[in-house]
Each structure stands twice: as structure tokens, then as C-alpha cells.
Amino acid sequence: LSGDRGFEIASDVLKDMIGKVSHSIAENDSRPSL
């Protein structure tokens, strides 16, 4: 549970970004990246 790289960002900004795209994420797909 440690990473050698990363970033720091405001929690409300990250939450807003997640909210804008969550509805388009596939639940089951042969392409894992989707």
C-alpha cells in the first residue's frame, strides 16, 4: 500500500469528474478497459 508516484487534488474536483463519467462505464464487457 505505497506508490512511488502520484498526485494531490481537491476532493470535490475529483468527485465531480467521477460523477460526470460514471454512467458510461460498462458493467460486463469482453474488453476490460471499458
PDB file of all heavy atoms in Angstrom:
ATOM      1  N   LEU A   1       0.823  -1.206   0.000  1.00  0.00           N
ATOM      2  CA  LEU A   1       0.000   0.000   0.000  1.00  0.00           C
ATOM      3  C   LEU A   1       0.859   1.259   0.000  1.00  0.00           C
ATOM      4  O   LEU A   1       0.758   2.133   0.862  1.00  0.00           O
ATOM      5  CB  LEU A   1      -0.957  -0.015   1.187  1.00  0.00           C
ATOM      6  CG  LEU A   1      -1.955  -1.173   1.201  1.00  0.00           C
ATOM      7  CD1 LEU A   1      -2.866  -1.104   2.406  1.00  0.00           C
ATOM      8  CD2 LEU A   1      -2.769  -1.204  -0.087  1.00  0.00           C
ATOM      9  N   SER A   2       1.734   1.335  -0.969  1.00  0.00           N
ATOM     10  CA  SER A   2       2.550   2.536  -1.165  1.00  0.00           C
ATOM     11  C   SER A   2       2.853   2.652  -2.647  1.00  0.00           C
ATOM     12  O   SER A   2       3.050   1.648  -3.332  1.00  0.00           O
ATOM     13  CB  SER A   2       3.845   2.473  -0.360  1.00  0.00           C
ATOM     14  OG  SER A   2       4.641   1.383  -0.781  1.00  0.00           O
ATOM     15  N   GLY A   3       2.860   3.867  -3.141  1.00  0.00           N
ATOM     16  CA  GLY A   3       3.158   4.112  -4.545  1.00  0.00           C
ATOM     17  C   GLY A   3       4.346   5.046  -4.665  1.00  0.00           C
ATOM     18  O   GLY A   3       4.586   5.879  -3.796  1.00  0.00           O
ATOM     19  N   ASP A   4       5.100   4.887  -5.729  1.00  0.00           N
ATOM     20  CA  ASP A   4       6.287   5.721  -5.905  1.00  0.00           C
ATOM     21  C   ASP A   4       5.994   6.998  -6.690  1.00  0.00           C
ATOM     22  O   ASP A   4       6.875   7.815  -6.905  1.00  0.00           O
ATOM     23  CB  ASP A   4       7.391   4.921  -6.600  1.00  0.00           C
ATOM     24  CG  ASP A   4       6.940   4.344  -7.948  1.00  0.00           C
ATOM     25  OD1 ASP A   4       5.779   4.595  -8.328  1.00  0.00           O
ATOM     26  OD2 ASP A   4       7.742   3.660  -8.598  1.00  0.00           O
ATOM     27  N   ARG A   5       4.755   7.185  -7.105  1.00  0.00           N
ATOM     28  CA  ARG A   5       4.382   8.386  -7.841  1.00  0.00           C
ATOM     29  C   ARG A   5       2.896   8.645  -7.627  1.00  0.00           C
ATOM     30  O   ARG A   5       2.143   7.743  -7.255  1.00  0.00           O
ATOM     31  CB  ARG A   5       4.678   8.231  -9.337  1.00  0.00           C
ATOM     32  CG  ARG A   5       3.948   7.072  -9.977  1.00  0.00           C
ATOM     33  CD  ARG A   5       4.524   6.674 -11.327  1.00  0.00           C
ATOM     34  NE  ARG A   5       3.772   5.560 -11.899  1.00  0.00           N
ATOM     35  CZ  ARG A   5       2.789   5.692 -12.763  1.00  0.00           C
ATOM     36  NH1 ARG A   5       2.431   6.906 -13.163  1.00  0.00           N
ATOM     37  NH2 ARG A   5       2.150   4.655 -13.228  1.00  0.00           N
ATOM     38  N   GLY A   6       2.489   9.861  -7.866  1.00  0.00           N
ATOM     39  CA  GLY A   6       1.089  10.182  -7.678  1.00  0.00           C
ATOM     40  C   GLY A   6       0.858  11.675  -7.705  1.00  0.00           C
ATOM     41  O   GLY A   6       1.696  12.455  -8.140  1.00  0.00           O
ATOM     42  N   PHE A   7      -0.322  12.072  -7.217  1.00  0.00           N
ATOM     43  CA  PHE A   7      -0.694  13.481  -7.260  1.00  0.00           C
ATOM     44  C   PHE A   7      -1.663  13.800  -6.139  1.00  0.00           C
ATOM     45  O   PHE A   7      -2.261  12.904  -5.529  1.00  0.00           O
ATOM     46  CB  PHE A   7      -1.301  13.844  -8.613  1.00  0.00           C
ATOM     47  CG  PHE A   7      -2.540  13.050  -8.963  1.00  0.00           C
ATOM     48  CD1 PHE A   7      -3.805  13.538  -8.672  1.00  0.00           C
ATOM     49  CD2 PHE A   7      -2.433  11.811  -9.592  1.00  0.00           C
ATOM     50  CE1 PHE A   7      -4.941  12.811  -8.980  1.00  0.00           C
ATOM     51  CE2 PHE A   7      -3.571  11.080  -9.915  1.00  0.00           C
ATOM     52  CZ  PHE A   7      -4.820  11.576  -9.614  1.00  0.00           C
ATOM     53  N   GLU A   8      -1.825  15.081  -5.876  1.00  0.00           N
ATOM     54  CA  GLU A   8      -2.759  15.570  -4.868  1.00  0.00           C
ATOM     55  C   GLU A   8      -3.730  16.524  -5.535  1.00  0.00           C
ATOM     56  O   GLU A   8      -3.332  17.367  -6.337  1.00  0.00           O
ATOM     57  CB  GLU A   8      -2.001  16.276  -3.742  1.00  0.00           C
ATOM     58  CG  GLU A   8      -2.867  16.718  -2.583  1.00  0.00           C
ATOM     59  CD  GLU A   8      -2.057  17.237  -1.406  1.00  0.00           C
ATOM     60  OE1 GLU A   8      -0.838  16.947  -1.351  1.00  0.00           O
ATOM     61  OE2 GLU A   8      -2.648  17.939  -0.563  1.00  0.00           O
ATOM     62  N   ILE A   9      -5.022  16.382  -5.199  1.00  0.00           N
ATOM     63  CA  ILE A   9      -6.063  17.167  -5.850  1.00  0.00           C
ATOM     64  C   ILE A   9      -7.198  17.407  -4.862  1.00  0.00           C
ATOM     65  O   ILE A   9      -7.363  16.638  -3.905  1.00  0.00           O
ATOM     66  CB  ILE A   9      -6.569  16.432  -7.133  1.00  0.00           C
ATOM     67  CG1 ILE A   9      -7.482  17.330  -7.971  1.00  0.00           C
ATOM     68  CG2 ILE A   9      -7.294  15.143  -6.750  1.00  0.00           C
ATOM     69  CD1 ILE A   9      -7.820  16.724  -9.338  1.00  0.00           C
ATOM     70  N   ALA A  10      -7.980  18.440  -5.072  1.00  0.00           N
ATOM     71  CA  ALA A  10      -9.132  18.725  -4.207  1.00  0.00           C
ATOM     72  C   ALA A  10     -10.158  17.609  -4.329  1.00  0.00           C
ATOM     73  O   ALA A  10     -10.487  17.170  -5.441  1.00  0.00           O
ATOM     74  CB  ALA A  10      -9.745  20.068  -4.573  1.00  0.00           C
ATOM     75  N   SER A  11     -10.692  17.148  -3.207  1.00  0.00           N
ATOM     76  CA  SER A  11     -11.635  16.028  -3.213  1.00  0.00           C
ATOM     77  C   SER A  11     -12.900  16.345  -3.997  1.00  0.00           C
ATOM     78  O   SER A  11     -13.434  15.482  -4.709  1.00  0.00           O
ATOM     79  CB  SER A  11     -11.994  15.636  -1.777  1.00  0.00           C
ATOM     80  OG  SER A  11     -12.608  16.716  -1.099  1.00  0.00           O
ATOM     81  N   ASP A  12     -13.395  17.596  -3.920  1.00  0.00           N
ATOM     82  CA  ASP A  12     -14.632  17.926  -4.627  1.00  0.00           C
ATOM     83  C   ASP A  12     -14.436  17.944  -6.137  1.00  0.00           C
ATOM     84  O   ASP A  12     -15.351  17.626  -6.902  1.00  0.00           O
ATOM     85  CB  ASP A  12     -15.210  19.248  -4.136  1.00  0.00           C
ATOM     86  CG  ASP A  12     -14.246  20.412  -4.274  1.00  0.00           C
ATOM     87  OD1 ASP A  12     -13.027  20.180  -4.442  1.00  0.00           O
ATOM     88  OD2 ASP A  12     -14.699  21.574  -4.223  1.00  0.00           O
ATOM     89  N   VAL A  13     -13.225  18.291  -6.590  1.00  0.00           N
ATOM     90  CA  VAL A  13     -12.939  18.276  -8.031  1.00  0.00           C
ATOM     91  C   VAL A  13     -12.938  16.837  -8.547  1.00  0.00           C
ATOM     92  O   VAL A  13     -13.546  16.528  -9.574  1.00  0.00           O
ATOM     93  CB  VAL A  13     -11.586  18.948  -8.328  1.00  0.00           C
ATOM     94  CG1 VAL A  13     -11.198  18.761  -9.800  1.00  0.00           C
ATOM     95  CG2 VAL A  13     -11.637  20.433  -7.985  1.00  0.00           C
ATOM     96  N   LEU A  14     -12.255  15.945  -7.826  1.00  0.00           N
ATOM     97  CA  LEU A  14     -12.202  14.544  -8.249  1.00  0.00           C
ATOM     98  C   LEU A  14     -13.589  13.914  -8.211  1.00  0.00           C
ATOM     99  O   LEU A  14     -13.959  13.165  -9.129  1.00  0.00           O
ATOM    100  CB  LEU A  14     -11.233  13.782  -7.349  1.00  0.00           C
ATOM    101  CG  LEU A  14     -10.987  12.316  -7.692  1.00  0.00           C
ATOM    102  CD1 LEU A  14     -10.502  12.158  -9.123  1.00  0.00           C
ATOM    103  CD2 LEU A  14      -9.987  11.695  -6.715  1.00  0.00           C
ATOM    104  N   LYS A  15     -14.360  14.219  -7.191  1.00  0.00           N
ATOM    105  CA  LYS A  15     -15.729  13.690  -7.096  1.00  0.00           C
ATOM    106  C   LYS A  15     -16.577  14.156  -8.277  1.00  0.00           C
ATOM    107  O   LYS A  15     -17.343  13.375  -8.859  1.00  0.00           O
ATOM    108  CB  LYS A  15     -16.365  14.140  -5.779  1.00  0.00           C
ATOM    109  CG  LYS A  15     -17.798  13.650  -5.563  1.00  0.00           C
ATOM    110  CD  LYS A  15     -18.332  14.147  -4.241  1.00  0.00           C
ATOM    111  CE  LYS A  15     -19.731  13.598  -3.982  1.00  0.00           C
ATOM    112  NZ  LYS A  15     -20.714  14.059  -4.981  1.00  0.00           N
ATOM    113  N   ASP A  16     -16.447  15.412  -8.657  1.00  0.00           N
ATOM    114  CA  ASP A  16     -17.205  15.952  -9.776  1.00  0.00           C
ATOM    115  C   ASP A  16     -16.842  15.254 -11.081  1.00  0.00           C
ATOM    116  O   ASP A  16     -17.719  14.934 -11.888  1.00  0.00           O
ATOM    117  CB  ASP A  16     -16.944  17.456  -9.891  1.00  0.00           C
ATOM    118  CG  ASP A  16     -17.763  18.104 -10.992  1.00  0.00           C
ATOM    119  OD1 ASP A  16     -18.999  18.055 -10.920  1.00  0.00           O
ATOM    120  OD2 ASP A  16     -17.157  18.658 -11.931  1.00  0.00           O
ATOM    121  N   MET A  17     -15.559  14.979 -11.282  1.00  0.00           N
ATOM    122  CA  MET A  17     -15.115  14.303 -12.502  1.00  0.00           C
ATOM    123  C   MET A  17     -15.666  12.881 -12.578  1.00  0.00           C
ATOM    124  O   MET A  17     -16.125  12.428 -13.628  1.00  0.00           O
ATOM    125  CB  MET A  17     -13.589  14.280 -12.549  1.00  0.00           C
ATOM    126  CG  MET A  17     -12.938  15.660 -12.620  1.00  0.00           C
ATOM    127  SD  MET A  17     -13.220  16.498 -14.197  1.00  0.00           S
ATOM    128  CE  MET A  17     -11.921  15.753 -15.177  1.00  0.00           C
ATOM    129  N   ILE A  18     -15.625  12.180 -11.453  1.00  0.00           N
ATOM    130  CA  ILE A  18     -16.167  10.820 -11.423  1.00  0.00           C
ATOM    131  C   ILE A  18     -17.665  10.837 -11.734  1.00  0.00           C
ATOM    132  O   ILE A  18     -18.175  10.004 -12.494  1.00  0.00           O
ATOM    133  CB  ILE A  18     -15.900  10.170 -10.051  1.00  0.00           C
ATOM    134  CG1 ILE A  18     -14.397   9.920  -9.870  1.00  0.00           C
ATOM    135  CG2 ILE A  18     -16.679   8.866  -9.904  1.00  0.00           C
ATOM    136  CD1 ILE A  18     -14.007   9.453  -8.477  1.00  0.00           C
ATOM    137  N   GLY A  19     -18.381  11.793 -11.157  1.00  0.00           N
ATOM    138  CA  GLY A  19     -19.818  11.888 -11.392  1.00  0.00           C
ATOM    139  C   GLY A  19     -20.185  12.145 -12.838  1.00  0.00           C
ATOM    140  O   GLY A  19     -21.245  11.722 -13.302  1.00  0.00           O
ATOM    141  N   LYS A  20     -19.319  12.815 -13.571  1.00  0.00           N
ATOM    142  CA  LYS A  20     -19.618  13.147 -14.961  1.00  0.00           C
ATOM    143  C   LYS A  20     -19.482  11.962 -15.917  1.00  0.00           C
ATOM    144  O   LYS A  20     -20.009  11.996 -17.031  1.00  0.00           O
ATOM    145  CB  LYS A  20     -18.699  14.279 -15.436  1.00  0.00           C
ATOM    146  CG  LYS A  20     -19.101  15.673 -14.971  1.00  0.00           C
ATOM    147  CD  LYS A  20     -18.179  16.721 -15.563  1.00  0.00           C
ATOM    148  CE  LYS A  20     -18.718  18.137 -15.400  1.00  0.00           C
ATOM    149  NZ  LYS A  20     -18.736  18.582 -14.018  1.00  0.00           N
ATOM    150  N   VAL A  21     -18.753  10.903 -15.517  1.00  0.00           N
ATOM    151  CA  VAL A  21     -18.488   9.801 -16.451  1.00  0.00           C
ATOM    152  C   VAL A  21     -18.974   8.443 -15.956  1.00  0.00           C
ATOM    153  O   VAL A  21     -18.962   7.475 -16.730  1.00  0.00           O
ATOM    154  CB  VAL A  21     -16.980   9.706 -16.777  1.00  0.00           C
ATOM    155  CG1 VAL A  21     -16.466  11.019 -17.346  1.00  0.00           C
ATOM    156  CG2 VAL A  21     -16.160   9.293 -15.560  1.00  0.00           C
ATOM    157  N   SER A  22     -19.411   8.332 -14.710  1.00  0.00           N
ATOM    158  CA  SER A  22     -19.732   7.018 -14.136  1.00  0.00           C
ATOM    159  C   SER A  22     -20.824   6.284 -14.908  1.00  0.00           C
ATOM    160  O   SER A  22     -20.803   5.051 -15.000  1.00  0.00           O
ATOM    161  CB  SER A  22     -20.146   7.168 -12.674  1.00  0.00           C
ATOM    162  OG  SER A  22     -19.054   7.558 -11.876  1.00  0.00           O
ATOM    163  N   HIS A  23     -21.778   7.017 -15.468  1.00  0.00           N
ATOM    164  CA  HIS A  23     -22.909   6.359 -16.134  1.00  0.00           C
ATOM    165  C   HIS A  23     -22.528   5.680 -17.438  1.00  0.00           C
ATOM    166  O   HIS A  23     -23.311   4.889 -17.977  1.00  0.00           O
ATOM    167  CB  HIS A  23     -24.022   7.380 -16.402  1.00  0.00           C
ATOM    168  CG  HIS A  23     -23.639   8.441 -17.393  1.00  0.00           C
ATOM    169  ND1 HIS A  23     -22.890   9.539 -17.045  1.00  0.00           N
ATOM    170  CD2 HIS A  23     -23.892   8.557 -18.722  1.00  0.00           C
ATOM    171  CE1 HIS A  23     -22.711  10.302 -18.109  1.00  0.00           C
ATOM    172  NE2 HIS A  23     -23.305   9.729 -19.130  1.00  0.00           N
ATOM    173  N   SER A  24     -21.340   5.951 -17.974  1.00  0.00           N
ATOM    174  CA  SER A  24     -20.932   5.357 -19.247  1.00  0.00           C
ATOM    175  C   SER A  24     -19.927   4.225 -19.084  1.00  0.00           C
ATOM    176  O   SER A  24     -19.312   3.805 -20.058  1.00  0.00           O
ATOM    177  CB  SER A  24     -20.318   6.429 -20.158  1.00  0.00           C
ATOM    178  OG  SER A  24     -21.289   7.369 -20.546  1.00  0.00           O
ATOM    179  N   ILE A  25     -19.760   3.730 -17.881  1.00  0.00           N
ATOM    180  CA  ILE A  25     -18.823   2.624 -17.648  1.00  0.00           C
ATOM    181  C   ILE A  25     -19.555   1.300 -17.838  1.00  0.00           C
ATOM    182  O   ILE A  25     -20.615   1.075 -17.258  1.00  0.00           O
ATOM    183  CB  ILE A  25     -18.224   2.712 -16.233  1.00  0.00           C
ATOM    184  CG1 ILE A  25     -17.391   3.990 -16.097  1.00  0.00           C
ATOM    185  CG2 ILE A  25     -17.362   1.490 -15.926  1.00  0.00           C
ATOM    186  CD1 ILE A  25     -16.871   4.242 -14.697  1.00  0.00           C
ATOM    187  N   ALA A  26     -18.997   0.418 -18.652  1.00  0.00           N
ATOM    188  CA  ALA A  26     -19.614  -0.882 -18.902  1.00  0.00           C
ATOM    189  C   ALA A  26     -19.525  -1.757 -17.659  1.00  0.00           C
ATOM    190  O   ALA A  26     -18.524  -1.731 -16.937  1.00  0.00           O
ATOM    191  CB  ALA A  26     -18.921  -1.570 -20.080  1.00  0.00           C
ATOM    192  N   GLU A  27     -20.569  -2.544 -17.411  1.00  0.00           N
ATOM    193  CA  GLU A  27     -20.553  -3.462 -16.274  1.00  0.00           C
ATOM    194  C   GLU A  27     -19.942  -4.797 -16.658  1.00  0.00           C
ATOM    195  O   GLU A  27     -19.194  -5.391 -15.882  1.00  0.00           O
ATOM    196  CB  GLU A  27     -21.969  -3.653 -15.728  1.00  0.00           C
ATOM    197  CG  GLU A  27     -22.556  -2.388 -15.109  1.00  0.00           C
ATOM    198  CD  GLU A  27     -23.904  -2.633 -14.486  1.00  0.00           C
ATOM    199  OE1 GLU A  27     -24.328  -3.819 -14.416  1.00  0.00           O
ATOM    200  OE2 GLU A  27     -24.550  -1.665 -14.043  1.00  0.00           O
ATOM    201  N   ASN A  28     -20.276  -5.267 -17.827  1.00  0.00           N
ATOM    202  CA  ASN A  28     -19.713  -6.523 -18.336  1.00  0.00           C
ATOM    203  C   ASN A  28     -19.351  -6.327 -19.791  1.00  0.00           C
ATOM    204  O   ASN A  28     -20.201  -5.986 -20.610  1.00  0.00           O
ATOM    205  CB  ASN A  28     -20.722  -7.673 -18.202  1.00  0.00           C
ATOM    206  CG  ASN A  28     -21.067  -7.979 -16.769  1.00  0.00           C
ATOM    207  OD1 ASN A  28     -20.224  -8.442 -16.015  1.00  0.00           O
ATOM    208  ND2 ASN A  28     -22.312  -7.707 -16.387  1.00  0.00           N
ATOM    209  N   ASP A  29     -18.094  -6.538 -20.116  1.00  0.00           N
ATOM    210  CA  ASP A  29     -17.648  -6.354 -21.496  1.00  0.00           C
ATOM    211  C   ASP A  29     -16.420  -7.218 -21.726  1.00  0.00           C
ATOM    212  O   ASP A  29     -15.612  -7.430 -20.820  1.00  0.00           O
ATOM    213  CB  ASP A  29     -17.320  -4.885 -21.765  1.00  0.00           C
ATOM    214  CG  ASP A  29     -17.264  -4.561 -23.252  1.00  0.00           C
ATOM    215  OD1 ASP A  29     -16.257  -4.917 -23.889  1.00  0.00           O
ATOM    216  OD2 ASP A  29     -18.225  -3.967 -23.768  1.00  0.00           O
ATOM    217  N   SER A  30     -16.297  -7.729 -22.944  1.00  0.00           N
ATOM    218  CA  SER A  30     -15.129  -8.556 -23.274  1.00  0.00           C
ATOM    219  C   SER A  30     -13.852  -7.737 -23.300  1.00  0.00           C
ATOM    220  O   SER A  30     -12.757  -8.295 -23.277  1.00  0.00           O
ATOM    221  CB  SER A  30     -15.339  -9.241 -24.632  1.00  0.00           C
ATOM    222  OG  SER A  30     -15.554  -8.275 -25.649  1.00  0.00           O
ATOM    223  N   ARG A  31     -13.994  -6.411 -23.366  1.00  0.00           N
ATOM    224  CA  ARG A  31     -12.837  -5.520 -23.312  1.00  0.00           C
ATOM    225  C   ARG A  31     -12.758  -4.918 -21.909  1.00  0.00           C
ATOM    226  O   ARG A  31     -13.522  -4.002 -21.574  1.00  0.00           O
ATOM    227  CB  ARG A  31     -12.979  -4.419 -24.361  1.00  0.00           C
ATOM    228  CG  ARG A  31     -12.956  -4.935 -25.796  1.00  0.00           C
ATOM    229  CD  ARG A  31     -13.616  -3.962 -26.749  1.00  0.00           C
ATOM    230  NE  ARG A  31     -15.056  -3.861 -26.506  1.00  0.00           N
ATOM    231  CZ  ARG A  31     -15.876  -3.077 -27.198  1.00  0.00           C
ATOM    232  NH1 ARG A  31     -15.389  -2.327 -28.172  1.00  0.00           N
ATOM    233  NH2 ARG A  31     -17.156  -3.042 -26.929  1.00  0.00           N
ATOM    234  N   PRO A  32     -11.862  -5.404 -21.069  1.00  0.00           N
ATOM    235  CA  PRO A  32     -11.807  -4.962 -19.671  1.00  0.00           C
ATOM    236  C   PRO A  32     -11.670  -3.456 -19.504  1.00  0.00           C
ATOM    237  O   PRO A  32     -12.204  -2.894 -18.543  1.00  0.00           O
ATOM    238  CB  PRO A  32     -10.570  -5.695 -19.124  1.00  0.00           C
ATOM    239  CG  PRO A  32     -10.430  -6.897 -19.992  1.00  0.00           C
ATOM    240  CD  PRO A  32     -10.875  -6.462 -21.350  1.00  0.00           C
ATOM    241  N   SER A  33     -10.984  -2.790 -20.423  1.00  0.00           N
ATOM    242  CA  SER A  33     -10.759  -1.358 -20.264  1.00  0.00           C
ATOM    243  C   SER A  33     -12.064  -0.568 -20.258  1.00  0.00           C
ATOM    244  O   SER A  33     -12.149   0.509 -19.650  1.00  0.00           O
ATOM    245  CB  SER A  33      -9.837  -0.825 -21.362  1.00  0.00           C
ATOM    246  OG  SER A  33     -10.417  -0.982 -22.644  1.00  0.00           O
ATOM    247  N   LEU A  34     -13.112  -1.083 -20.917  1.00  0.00           N
ATOM    248  CA  LEU A  34     -14.397  -0.381 -20.941  1.00  0.00           C
ATOM    249  C   LEU A  34     -15.149  -0.508 -19.614  1.00  0.00           C
ATOM    250  O   LEU A  34     -16.143   0.185 -19.408  1.00  0.00           O
ATOM    251  CB  LEU A  34     -15.272  -0.901 -22.082  1.00  0.00           C
ATOM    252  CG  LEU A  34     -14.751  -0.692 -23.503  1.00  0.00           C
ATOM    253  CD1 LEU A  34     -15.818  -1.040 -24.517  1.00  0.00           C
ATOM    254  CD2 LEU A  34     -14.260   0.737 -23.716  1.00  0.00           C
TER     255      LEU A  34
END
